[in-house]
Protein backbone atom coordinates (compact mmCIF):
# COMPACT_ATOMS: atom_id res chain seq x y z
CA HIS A 1 68.07 152.71 116.14
CA CYS A 2 69.84 149.72 117.66
CA ILE A 3 73.16 151.31 116.38
CA SER A 4 72.39 154.33 118.61
CA SER A 5 71.37 152.22 121.49
CA ALA A 6 74.54 150.27 121.20
CA ALA A 7 76.58 153.31 120.85
CA SER A 8 74.84 154.69 124.02
CA ASP A 9 75.73 151.57 126.05
CA VAL A 10 79.31 151.76 125.06
CA TYR A 11 79.54 155.66 125.77
CA LYS A 12 78.12 154.93 129.09
CA ARG A 13 80.37 152.35 130.00
CA GLN A 14 83.17 154.24 129.23
CA ASN A 15 82.19 157.20 130.45
CA ILE A 16 82.06 159.45 127.47
CA SER A 17 79.51 162.05 127.79
CA ASN A 18 79.94 164.31 124.66
CA PRO A 19 81.02 161.57 122.00
CA HIS A 20 82.40 162.32 118.52
CA VAL A 21 80.95 159.51 116.13
CA PHE A 22 82.66 158.74 113.03
CA ILE A 23 80.14 156.84 110.89
CA THR A 24 81.47 154.60 107.94
CA THR A 25 78.70 153.95 105.54
CA GLU A 26 78.03 154.64 101.80
CA SER A 27 74.40 155.30 102.57
CA MET A 28 73.36 158.96 103.08
CA ASP A 29 70.10 157.37 104.07
CA GLY A 30 71.98 155.82 106.90
CA VAL A 31 73.72 159.07 108.16
CA VAL A 32 70.24 161.03 107.78
CA LYS A 33 68.45 158.04 109.97
CA LEU A 34 71.20 158.01 112.56
CA GLN A 35 71.24 161.98 113.06
CA ASP A 36 67.24 161.63 113.42
CA VAL A 37 67.69 159.64 116.03
CA VAL A 38 70.34 161.57 117.59
CA ASN A 39 68.05 164.80 117.09
CA ARG A 40 65.10 163.06 118.43
CA ASN A 41 66.84 162.02 121.90
CA ASN A 42 68.65 165.23 122.44
CA LYS A 43 71.95 163.46 122.46
CA SER A 44 74.85 165.70 122.54
CA TRP A 45 76.65 163.40 120.09
CA LYS A 46 78.85 165.02 117.37
CA LEU A 47 78.31 162.98 114.18
CA HIS A 48 81.10 162.77 111.66
CA TYR A 49 81.45 160.59 108.18
CA TYR A 50 83.84 161.18 105.23
CA ALA A 51 81.72 162.89 102.81
CA PRO A 52 83.12 161.51 99.36
CA SER A 53 82.88 158.08 100.58
CA VAL A 54 78.75 158.39 101.08
CA PHE A 55 76.41 158.77 98.16
CA ASN A 56 72.74 159.78 98.25
CA ALA A 57 70.77 157.88 95.10
CA ASN A 58 68.88 161.09 94.15
CA THR A 59 72.33 162.80 93.60
CA ALA A 60 73.65 160.00 92.02
CA ALA A 61 71.02 159.92 89.40
CA HIS A 62 72.53 163.20 87.83
CA ILE A 63 75.67 161.39 86.94
CA SER A 64 74.87 158.49 85.48
CA ALA A 65 71.70 157.94 82.80
CA LYS A 66 70.98 154.53 84.45
CA PRO A 67 69.64 154.34 87.97
CA VAL A 68 72.46 153.98 90.89
CA VAL A 69 71.12 151.79 93.15
CA SER A 70 74.19 150.52 95.03
CA PRO A 71 77.58 151.36 96.16
CA MET A 72 78.98 149.16 93.15
CA ASP A 73 77.08 150.93 90.66
CA MET A 74 78.30 154.17 92.25
CA ALA A 75 81.97 152.87 92.07
CA ARG A 76 81.47 151.93 88.35
CA VAL A 77 79.71 155.45 87.59
CA THR A 78 82.41 157.48 89.43
CA GLN A 79 85.26 155.18 87.94
CA GLY A 80 86.81 153.95 91.10
CA THR A 81 86.53 157.57 92.91
CA LEU A 82 84.14 155.97 95.48
CA GLY A 83 86.38 153.15 96.28
CA LYS A 84 89.09 155.37 97.04
CA ALA A 85 86.98 157.57 99.29
CA SER A 86 85.79 154.55 100.86
CA LEU A 87 89.50 153.54 101.72
CA ILE A 88 90.24 157.02 103.25
CA SER A 89 87.00 156.52 105.31
CA LEU A 90 88.58 153.02 106.73
CA LEU A 91 91.67 154.59 107.32
CA LEU A 92 89.65 157.41 109.67
CA ALA A 93 87.74 154.50 111.13
CA MET A 94 90.83 153.14 112.67
CA GLU A 95 91.55 156.36 114.99
CA GLY A 96 88.73 155.07 117.00
CA LYS A 97 88.85 152.91 120.18
CA HIS A 98 85.16 152.05 120.23
CA TYR A 99 83.41 150.16 117.45
CA VAL A 100 79.92 149.23 116.90
CA LEU A 101 79.77 146.94 113.90
CA THR A 102 77.70 144.06 112.19
CA SER A 103 79.08 141.21 111.73
CA GLY A 104 76.56 140.50 108.72
CA SER A 105 78.83 143.28 106.85
CA ASN A 106 82.12 142.31 105.03
CA TRP A 107 83.07 146.07 105.46
CA SER A 108 82.68 145.61 109.52
CA ARG A 109 84.53 142.26 109.46
CA LEU A 110 87.46 143.99 107.70
CA ILE A 111 87.02 146.83 110.18
CA ASP A 112 87.23 144.59 113.06
CA GLU A 113 90.32 142.49 111.78
CA LEU A 114 92.21 145.69 111.73
CA ARG A 115 91.19 147.01 114.95
CA LEU A 116 91.93 143.54 116.68
CA ASN A 117 95.04 143.15 114.80
CA ILE A 118 96.70 146.62 114.37
CA VAL A 119 94.60 149.46 116.51
CA ASP A 120 94.39 146.89 119.65
CA VAL A 121 97.80 145.73 119.47
CA ALA A 122 99.27 149.20 118.94
CA CYS A 123 97.40 150.61 122.23
CA GLY A 124 97.88 147.37 124.35
CA GLY A 125 94.21 146.28 124.12
CA CYS A 126 92.51 149.61 124.31
CA THR A 127 89.89 149.08 122.01
CA ASN A 128 86.49 147.28 122.25
CA MET A 129 83.63 146.30 119.89
CA VAL A 130 79.71 145.87 120.19
CA ASP A 131 78.49 143.31 117.24
CA LEU A 132 74.98 144.06 116.54
CA ARG A 133 74.42 140.73 115.60
CA GLU A 134 75.25 139.16 118.84
CA GLY A 135 71.28 137.99 119.53
CA ILE A 136 71.48 136.18 116.34
CA PRO A 137 71.75 132.32 116.58
CA ALA A 138 75.46 130.89 116.06
CA ALA A 139 74.95 129.34 112.72
CA GLN A 140 74.36 132.66 111.36
CA ASN A 141 77.08 134.78 113.21
CA TRP A 142 80.56 134.35 111.79
CA ARG A 143 81.82 135.23 115.47
CA ALA A 144 80.13 132.11 116.99
């Protein structure tokens, strides 16, 4: 829910009334939860994600004899296909201007570095980022 709140704040500040939201996650549960929040709040958001980069633990169970419980397991089971899909998802994320990230995530830190050093430079400083961990004490927050 804090993701949707942070995104709502960004859209209000930027005066974006019907945003297209691109989600980078490996978890179908995360996509479903965000979609539920959007539906409950009658938001006019359009949610997008690169489907090959998202896995569902229930679906993954059909691929492997062993339980697939993490993205690393899924990458192993798919022989790297999930990793390639994640890189495509990363490239799609670089098309954005407004980001809601969490600095506790290595993937979010990678996206932020690319945002700052490539996207922001190319567009003359047009991007912005909200860190979901801003309220966390400095000792635990890499941005502090």
